[in-house]
N, C-alpha and C. Protein backbone atom coordinates (compact mmCIF):
# COMPACT_ATOMS: atom_id res chain seq x y z
N UNK A 1 0.79 -1.23 -0.09
CA UNK A 1 -0.01 0.05 0.02
C UNK A 1 0.80 1.29 -0.02
N UNK A 2 1.88 1.31 0.98
CA UNK A 2 2.66 2.38 0.96
C UNK A 2 3.97 2.17 0.14
N UNK A 3 4.52 3.12 -0.54
CA UNK A 3 5.74 2.89 -1.36
C UNK A 3 7.03 3.19 -0.49
N UNK A 4 7.98 2.41 -0.39
CA UNK A 4 9.30 2.61 0.37
C UNK A 4 10.22 3.23 -0.58
N UNK A 5 10.74 4.26 -0.41
CA UNK A 5 11.85 4.98 -1.30
C UNK A 5 13.17 4.72 -0.77
N UNK A 6 13.96 4.27 -1.68
CA UNK A 6 15.43 4.06 -1.51
C UNK A 6 16.09 5.50 -1.54
N UNK A 7 17.22 5.64 -1.17
CA UNK A 7 17.95 6.95 -1.22
C UNK A 7 17.96 7.48 -2.77
N UNK A 8 18.18 6.41 -3.70
CA UNK A 8 18.41 6.75 -5.08
C UNK A 8 16.88 7.30 -5.81
N UNK A 9 15.92 6.44 -5.27
CA UNK A 9 14.52 6.83 -5.75
C UNK A 9 14.26 8.22 -5.19
N UNK A 10 14.49 8.65 -4.00
CA UNK A 10 14.31 9.85 -3.12
C UNK A 10 15.01 10.90 -3.97
N UNK A 11 16.22 10.88 -4.38
CA UNK A 11 17.02 11.80 -4.98
C UNK A 11 16.49 12.08 -6.42
N UNK A 12 16.00 10.95 -7.21
CA UNK A 12 15.47 11.03 -8.41
C UNK A 12 14.09 11.88 -8.31
N UNK A 13 13.30 11.54 -7.36
CA UNK A 13 12.14 12.32 -7.05
C UNK A 13 12.24 13.75 -6.99
N UNK A 14 13.26 14.02 -6.04
CA UNK A 14 13.64 15.49 -5.67
C UNK A 14 14.10 16.24 -6.88
N UNK A 15 15.07 15.51 -7.71
CA UNK A 15 15.34 16.13 -9.05
C UNK A 15 14.29 16.49 -9.95
N UNK A 16 13.30 15.52 -9.94
CA UNK A 16 12.08 15.55 -10.82
C UNK A 16 11.29 16.81 -10.41
N UNK A 17 11.03 16.93 -8.97
CA UNK A 17 10.24 17.95 -8.54
C UNK A 17 10.92 19.44 -8.75
N UNK A 18 12.32 19.33 -8.64
CA UNK A 18 13.00 20.66 -8.81
C UNK A 18 12.97 21.10 -10.24
N UNK A 19 12.94 20.20 -11.24
CA UNK A 19 12.89 20.59 -12.63
C UNK A 19 11.41 21.04 -12.96
N UNK A 20 10.41 20.23 -12.36
CA UNK A 20 9.03 20.77 -12.52
C UNK A 20 8.85 22.14 -11.97
N UNK A 21 9.39 22.47 -10.77
CA UNK A 21 9.25 23.80 -10.32
C UNK A 21 9.90 24.93 -11.05
N UNK A 22 11.00 24.67 -11.50
CA UNK A 22 11.86 25.36 -12.46
C UNK A 22 11.11 25.72 -13.61
N UNK A 23 10.37 24.70 -14.16
CA UNK A 23 9.63 24.87 -15.46
C UNK A 23 8.57 25.93 -15.21
N UNK A 24 7.84 25.63 -14.10
CA UNK A 24 6.77 26.56 -13.85
C UNK A 24 7.07 27.88 -13.47
N UNK A 25 7.99 27.98 -12.70
CA UNK A 25 8.61 29.22 -12.18
C UNK A 25 9.34 30.00 -13.04
N UNK A 26 9.87 29.41 -14.13
CA UNK A 26 10.80 29.95 -15.22
C UNK A 26 11.97 30.42 -14.76
N UNK A 27 12.49 29.56 -13.80
CA UNK A 27 13.89 30.07 -13.28
C UNK A 27 15.04 29.26 -13.81
N UNK A 28 16.25 29.79 -13.94
CA UNK A 28 17.35 29.08 -14.33
C UNK A 28 17.63 27.63 -13.44
N UNK A 29 18.33 26.81 -14.00
CA UNK A 29 18.62 25.73 -13.39
C UNK A 29 19.59 25.83 -12.24
N UNK A 30 20.46 26.85 -12.03
CA UNK A 30 21.34 27.09 -11.04
C UNK A 30 21.84 28.42 -11.04
N UNK A 31 22.55 28.98 -10.01
CA UNK A 31 23.05 30.12 -10.00
C UNK A 31 24.10 30.42 -11.06
N UNK A 32 24.86 29.33 -11.14
CA UNK A 32 25.98 29.27 -12.30
C UNK A 32 25.48 29.04 -13.67
N UNK A 33 24.26 28.94 -13.93
CA UNK A 33 23.65 28.75 -15.19
C UNK A 33 24.17 27.54 -15.85
N UNK A 34 24.14 26.35 -15.22
CA UNK A 34 24.57 24.95 -15.68
C UNK A 34 23.80 24.79 -16.89
N UNK A 35 24.58 24.61 -18.11
CA UNK A 35 24.01 24.36 -19.39
C UNK A 35 23.30 23.05 -19.61
N UNK A 36 23.68 22.05 -18.74
CA UNK A 36 23.23 20.84 -18.93
C UNK A 36 21.61 20.60 -18.83
N UNK A 37 21.06 21.53 -18.26
CA UNK A 37 19.58 21.35 -17.96
C UNK A 37 18.80 22.38 -18.87
N UNK A 38 19.51 23.12 -19.75
CA UNK A 38 18.99 24.15 -20.77
C UNK A 38 18.52 23.48 -21.92
N UNK A 39 17.62 23.98 -22.67
CA UNK A 39 16.97 23.55 -23.91
C UNK A 39 17.24 24.65 -24.88
N UNK A 40 17.72 24.37 -25.98
CA UNK A 40 18.44 23.08 -26.51
C UNK A 40 19.67 22.83 -25.97
N UNK A 41 20.25 21.67 -25.95
CA UNK A 41 21.62 21.37 -25.54
C UNK A 41 22.47 21.97 -26.60
N UNK A 42 23.81 22.48 -26.37
CA UNK A 42 24.65 23.05 -27.32
C UNK A 42 25.92 22.44 -27.26
N UNK A 43 26.55 22.18 -28.35
CA UNK A 43 27.92 21.69 -28.58
C UNK A 43 28.55 22.94 -29.46
N UNK A 44 29.84 23.53 -28.93
CA UNK A 44 30.26 24.58 -29.81
C UNK A 44 31.82 24.13 -30.06
N UNK A 45 32.23 24.30 -31.30
CA UNK A 45 33.59 23.94 -31.60
C UNK A 45 33.92 24.87 -32.76
N UNK A 46 35.11 24.52 -33.43
CA UNK A 46 35.61 25.30 -34.47
C UNK A 46 36.39 24.61 -35.40
N UNK A 47 36.68 25.06 -36.55
CA UNK A 47 37.82 24.82 -37.52
C UNK A 47 38.54 26.09 -37.68
N UNK A 48 39.73 25.83 -38.45
CA UNK A 48 40.36 26.98 -38.87
C UNK A 48 39.60 28.07 -39.73
N UNK A 49 38.49 27.54 -40.32
CA UNK A 49 37.74 28.28 -41.23
C UNK A 49 36.38 28.87 -40.65
N UNK A 50 35.84 28.37 -39.55
CA UNK A 50 34.61 28.58 -39.05
C UNK A 50 34.52 28.30 -37.76
N UNK A 51 33.37 28.89 -36.97
CA UNK A 51 32.86 28.35 -35.79
C UNK A 51 31.59 27.61 -35.90
N UNK A 52 31.48 26.39 -35.31
CA UNK A 52 30.43 25.52 -35.50
C UNK A 52 29.58 25.38 -34.20
N UNK A 53 28.15 25.68 -34.29
CA UNK A 53 27.39 25.47 -33.19
C UNK A 53 26.30 24.47 -33.36
N UNK A 54 26.14 23.38 -32.82
CA UNK A 54 25.19 22.40 -32.86
C UNK A 54 24.24 22.49 -31.58
N UNK A 55 22.82 22.62 -32.05
CA UNK A 55 21.77 22.63 -30.98
C UNK A 55 21.00 21.41 -31.19
N UNK A 56 20.83 20.80 -30.16
CA UNK A 56 20.21 19.47 -30.22
C UNK A 56 18.70 19.72 -29.84
N UNK A 57 17.93 19.76 -30.83
CA UNK A 57 16.55 20.13 -30.69
C UNK A 57 15.46 19.15 -31.36
N UNK A 58 15.48 17.96 -30.98
CA UNK A 58 14.58 17.01 -31.78
C UNK A 58 13.07 17.36 -31.60
N UNK A 59 12.25 17.07 -32.76
CA UNK A 59 10.95 17.23 -32.70
C UNK A 59 10.39 18.67 -32.95
N UNK A 60 11.31 19.51 -33.34
CA UNK A 60 10.95 21.01 -33.80
C UNK A 60 10.55 21.05 -35.20
N UNK A 61 9.86 21.92 -35.60
CA UNK A 61 9.53 22.22 -36.84
C UNK A 61 10.60 23.36 -37.14
N UNK A 62 11.41 23.25 -38.21
CA UNK A 62 12.50 24.19 -38.39
C UNK A 62 11.98 25.76 -38.58
N UNK A 63 10.70 25.78 -39.08
CA UNK A 63 10.12 27.14 -39.06
C UNK A 63 9.89 27.81 -37.64
N UNK A 64 9.92 27.13 -36.67
CA UNK A 64 9.61 27.59 -35.26
C UNK A 64 10.91 27.87 -34.62
N UNK A 65 11.99 27.80 -35.31
CA UNK A 65 13.35 28.27 -34.58
C UNK A 65 13.80 29.51 -35.40
N UNK A 66 14.47 30.46 -34.54
CA UNK A 66 14.97 31.67 -35.09
C UNK A 66 16.40 31.86 -34.68
N UNK A 67 17.12 32.09 -35.66
CA UNK A 67 18.53 32.26 -35.33
C UNK A 67 18.92 33.63 -35.80
N UNK A 68 19.70 34.38 -34.87
CA UNK A 68 20.04 35.71 -35.14
C UNK A 68 21.53 36.02 -34.66
N UNK A 69 22.20 36.91 -35.28
CA UNK A 69 23.47 37.49 -34.74
C UNK A 69 23.29 38.96 -34.63
N UNK A 70 23.59 39.34 -33.53
CA UNK A 70 23.55 40.85 -33.21
C UNK A 70 24.67 41.22 -32.16
N UNK A 71 25.64 41.96 -32.62
CA UNK A 71 26.73 42.61 -31.78
C UNK A 71 27.56 41.32 -31.14
N UNK A 72 27.79 40.47 -32.11
CA UNK A 72 28.66 39.35 -31.60
C UNK A 72 27.94 38.20 -30.83
N UNK A 73 26.77 38.29 -30.71
CA UNK A 73 26.02 37.31 -29.93
C UNK A 73 25.09 36.48 -30.88
N UNK A 74 25.33 35.20 -31.06
CA UNK A 74 24.35 34.33 -31.78
C UNK A 74 23.26 33.92 -30.95
N UNK A 75 22.02 34.09 -31.19
CA UNK A 75 20.77 33.62 -30.35
C UNK A 75 20.18 32.58 -31.25
N UNK A 76 19.71 31.44 -30.44
CA UNK A 76 18.81 30.53 -31.10
C UNK A 76 17.63 30.49 -30.21
N UNK A 77 16.51 30.84 -30.61
CA UNK A 77 15.25 30.86 -29.93
C UNK A 77 14.02 30.13 -30.82
N UNK A 78 13.01 30.08 -29.99
CA UNK A 78 11.81 29.41 -30.59
C UNK A 78 10.83 28.98 -29.52
N UNK A 79 10.00 27.99 -29.85
CA UNK A 79 8.90 27.32 -29.01
C UNK A 79 8.76 25.86 -29.49
N UNK A 80 8.66 25.04 -28.53
CA UNK A 80 8.25 23.68 -28.64
C UNK A 80 6.91 23.53 -28.12
N UNK A 81 5.97 23.07 -28.67
CA UNK A 81 4.41 22.96 -28.33
C UNK A 81 4.33 21.67 -27.61
N UNK A 82 3.37 21.36 -26.94
CA UNK A 82 3.15 20.03 -26.26
C UNK A 82 2.37 19.30 -27.23
N UNK A 83 2.74 17.98 -27.22
CA UNK A 83 2.02 17.04 -28.16
C UNK A 83 1.70 15.79 -27.46
N UNK A 84 1.16 15.90 -26.06
CA UNK A 84 0.85 14.83 -25.32
C UNK A 84 -0.63 14.33 -25.89
N UNK A 85 -0.60 13.03 -26.02
CA UNK A 85 -2.06 12.36 -26.42
C UNK A 85 -2.81 12.55 -25.36
N UNK A 86 -4.11 12.99 -25.53
CA UNK A 86 -5.18 13.20 -24.53
C UNK A 86 -5.13 14.46 -23.79
N UNK A 87 -4.18 15.33 -24.13
CA UNK A 87 -3.96 16.55 -23.13
C UNK A 87 -5.22 17.32 -23.20
N UNK A 88 -5.73 17.31 -24.64
CA UNK A 88 -6.86 18.29 -24.76
C UNK A 88 -8.23 17.72 -24.42
N UNK A 89 -8.22 16.46 -24.01
CA UNK A 89 -9.37 15.80 -23.55
C UNK A 89 -9.42 15.81 -21.85
N UNK A 90 -8.65 16.60 -21.47
CA UNK A 90 -8.70 16.84 -20.09
C UNK A 90 -8.05 15.56 -19.25
N UNK A 91 -7.36 14.76 -19.77
CA UNK A 91 -6.71 13.62 -19.08
C UNK A 91 -5.38 14.27 -18.35
N UNK A 92 -5.24 13.70 -17.26
CA UNK A 92 -4.15 14.30 -16.28
C UNK A 92 -2.79 13.67 -16.80
N UNK A 93 -1.86 14.56 -16.74
CA UNK A 93 -0.47 14.35 -17.00
C UNK A 93 0.29 14.04 -15.63
N UNK A 94 0.83 12.98 -15.29
CA UNK A 94 1.59 12.58 -14.10
C UNK A 94 2.94 13.01 -14.27
N UNK A 95 3.72 12.76 -15.37
CA UNK A 95 5.04 13.14 -15.22
C UNK A 95 5.34 13.70 -16.74
N UNK A 96 6.05 14.87 -16.87
CA UNK A 96 6.31 15.36 -18.12
C UNK A 96 7.74 15.73 -18.14
N UNK A 97 8.67 15.04 -18.62
CA UNK A 97 10.15 15.34 -18.58
C UNK A 97 10.62 16.11 -19.71
N UNK A 98 9.81 16.02 -20.83
CA UNK A 98 10.34 16.73 -22.05
C UNK A 98 9.83 18.03 -21.97
N UNK A 99 10.85 18.94 -22.46
CA UNK A 99 10.76 20.33 -22.39
C UNK A 99 9.62 20.86 -23.35
N UNK A 100 8.85 21.64 -22.83
CA UNK A 100 7.77 22.30 -23.60
C UNK A 100 7.64 23.90 -23.23
N UNK A 101 7.49 24.60 -24.39
CA UNK A 101 7.43 26.15 -24.21
C UNK A 101 8.51 26.96 -24.81
N UNK A 102 8.66 28.16 -24.57
CA UNK A 102 9.55 28.99 -25.29
C UNK A 102 11.03 28.67 -24.71
N UNK A 103 11.94 28.84 -25.74
CA UNK A 103 13.36 28.61 -25.35
C UNK A 103 14.24 29.74 -25.93
N UNK A 104 15.46 29.99 -25.40
CA UNK A 104 16.34 30.94 -25.85
C UNK A 104 17.81 30.64 -25.37
N UNK A 105 18.63 30.40 -26.38
CA UNK A 105 20.10 30.15 -25.89
C UNK A 105 20.93 31.25 -26.56
N UNK A 106 21.80 31.89 -25.99
CA UNK A 106 22.79 32.85 -26.51
C UNK A 106 24.17 32.38 -26.45
N UNK A 107 24.97 32.70 -27.31
CA UNK A 107 26.49 32.38 -27.51
C UNK A 107 27.16 33.59 -27.90
N UNK A 108 28.17 34.10 -27.23
CA UNK A 108 29.12 35.06 -27.47
C UNK A 108 30.01 34.54 -28.60
N UNK A 109 30.20 35.13 -29.70
CA UNK A 109 31.04 34.86 -30.67
C UNK A 109 32.37 35.64 -30.62
N UNK A 110 33.56 35.02 -31.01
CA UNK A 110 34.76 35.80 -30.93
C UNK A 110 34.85 36.77 -32.16
N UNK A 111 35.70 37.70 -31.96
CA UNK A 111 35.81 38.90 -32.82
C UNK A 111 36.39 38.45 -34.26
N UNK A 112 36.87 37.32 -34.41
CA UNK A 112 37.29 36.85 -35.65
C UNK A 112 36.31 36.37 -36.69
N UNK A 113 34.96 36.29 -36.34
CA UNK A 113 33.96 35.81 -37.10
C UNK A 113 33.34 36.84 -37.94
N UNK A 114 32.82 36.47 -39.28
CA UNK A 114 32.06 37.29 -40.03
C UNK A 114 30.71 37.05 -40.03
N UNK A 115 29.86 38.02 -39.43
CA UNK A 115 28.48 37.89 -39.11
C UNK A 115 27.50 37.81 -40.40
N UNK A 116 28.20 38.07 -41.53
CA UNK A 116 27.52 38.12 -42.72
C UNK A 116 27.59 36.83 -43.45
N UNK A 117 28.56 35.95 -42.89
CA UNK A 117 28.80 34.61 -43.49
C UNK A 117 28.37 33.44 -42.70
N UNK A 118 26.90 33.52 -42.66
CA UNK A 118 26.49 32.45 -41.62
C UNK A 118 25.45 31.54 -42.38
N UNK A 119 25.59 30.10 -42.09
CA UNK A 119 24.69 29.29 -42.67
C UNK A 119 24.01 28.39 -41.49
N UNK A 120 22.74 28.03 -41.72
CA UNK A 120 22.19 27.27 -40.74
C UNK A 120 21.30 26.12 -41.45
N UNK A 121 21.22 24.81 -40.78
CA UNK A 121 20.50 23.88 -41.32
C UNK A 121 20.00 23.14 -40.12
N UNK A 122 18.87 22.38 -40.40
CA UNK A 122 18.21 21.56 -39.40
C UNK A 122 18.02 20.22 -39.90
N UNK A 123 18.75 19.10 -39.44
CA UNK A 123 18.90 17.69 -40.06
C UNK A 123 18.54 16.91 -38.75
N UNK A 124 17.68 15.96 -38.81
CA UNK A 124 17.43 14.94 -37.95
C UNK A 124 17.61 15.44 -36.47
N UNK A 125 16.74 16.51 -36.19
CA UNK A 125 16.72 17.12 -34.91
C UNK A 125 17.90 17.94 -34.39
N UNK A 126 18.82 18.19 -35.38
CA UNK A 126 20.11 18.87 -34.97
C UNK A 126 20.32 20.16 -35.78
N UNK A 127 20.18 21.14 -35.13
CA UNK A 127 20.40 22.62 -35.87
C UNK A 127 21.90 22.92 -35.92
N UNK A 128 22.43 22.94 -37.05
CA UNK A 128 23.90 23.25 -37.31
C UNK A 128 24.02 24.62 -37.77
N UNK A 129 24.75 25.33 -37.10
CA UNK A 129 25.01 26.80 -37.43
C UNK A 129 26.61 27.09 -37.64
N UNK A 130 26.89 27.28 -38.88
CA UNK A 130 28.26 27.65 -39.14
C UNK A 130 28.44 29.08 -39.41
N UNK A 131 29.43 29.73 -38.69
CA UNK A 131 29.84 31.15 -38.88
C UNK A 131 31.23 31.17 -39.46
N UNK A 132 31.37 31.65 -40.49
CA UNK A 132 32.77 31.81 -41.21
C UNK A 132 33.64 32.72 -40.51
N UNK A 133 34.98 32.50 -40.34
CA UNK A 133 35.85 33.35 -39.74
C UNK A 133 36.29 34.47 -40.87
N UNK A 134 36.65 35.56 -40.43
CA UNK A 134 37.11 36.64 -41.45
C UNK A 134 38.46 36.17 -42.28
N UNK A 135 38.41 36.59 -43.40
CA UNK A 135 39.61 36.14 -44.20
C UNK A 135 40.99 36.54 -43.33
N UNK A 136 40.92 37.76 -42.86
CA UNK A 136 42.26 38.20 -42.03
C UNK A 136 42.59 37.32 -41.08
N UNK A 137 41.65 36.55 -40.24
CA UNK A 137 41.80 35.85 -39.24
C UNK A 137 42.21 34.35 -39.56
N UNK A 138 41.91 34.03 -40.80
CA UNK A 138 42.39 32.67 -41.08
C UNK A 138 43.88 32.41 -41.28
N UNK A 139 44.37 31.26 -41.02
CA UNK A 139 45.81 30.92 -41.06
C UNK A 139 46.29 31.05 -42.46
N UNK A 140 47.45 31.56 -42.57
CA UNK A 140 48.02 31.83 -43.91
C UNK A 140 49.49 31.22 -43.78
N UNK A 141 49.98 30.57 -44.91
CA UNK A 141 51.36 30.11 -44.87
C UNK A 141 52.19 31.31 -45.65
N UNK A 142 53.20 31.73 -44.92
CA UNK A 142 54.09 32.74 -45.51
C UNK A 142 55.16 32.31 -45.98
N UNK A 143 55.40 32.32 -47.24
CA UNK A 143 56.72 31.86 -47.83
C UNK A 143 57.82 32.71 -47.50
N UNK A 144 58.94 32.02 -47.25
CA UNK A 144 60.17 32.66 -46.96
C UNK A 144 61.23 32.63 -48.23
N UNK A 145 61.58 33.88 -48.46
CA UNK A 145 62.54 34.24 -49.64
C UNK A 145 63.94 34.13 -49.22
């Protein structure tokens, strides 16, 4: 009749309650802004020719994603709608761990990128944004005479 919680179950349940509270209160995940609980998750890297940003956002319509660059800051924003079966029929939802709602992630770019040379594509739930580096910032081989 009564459920006995182990310490692992209790910590899992407390984590779920914290995430649920943060979602309803629209608060950041921690004081330090730990990106592991933000949506979409980001990977940022680079090549000698460009900066590459990957946003992991499965299940979105590419038209619902907005990518902008302003004053050296790349911003990815949009909204993920709820698609729970039965949600509109008044059925109760007991656990919802999938992020739903508006999102916004901002990344400061280095001074060596060209904000006019940006491409973005959304494939298999991953948004890939590539920002070319300025010609003057790219590596050059200088011949010695």
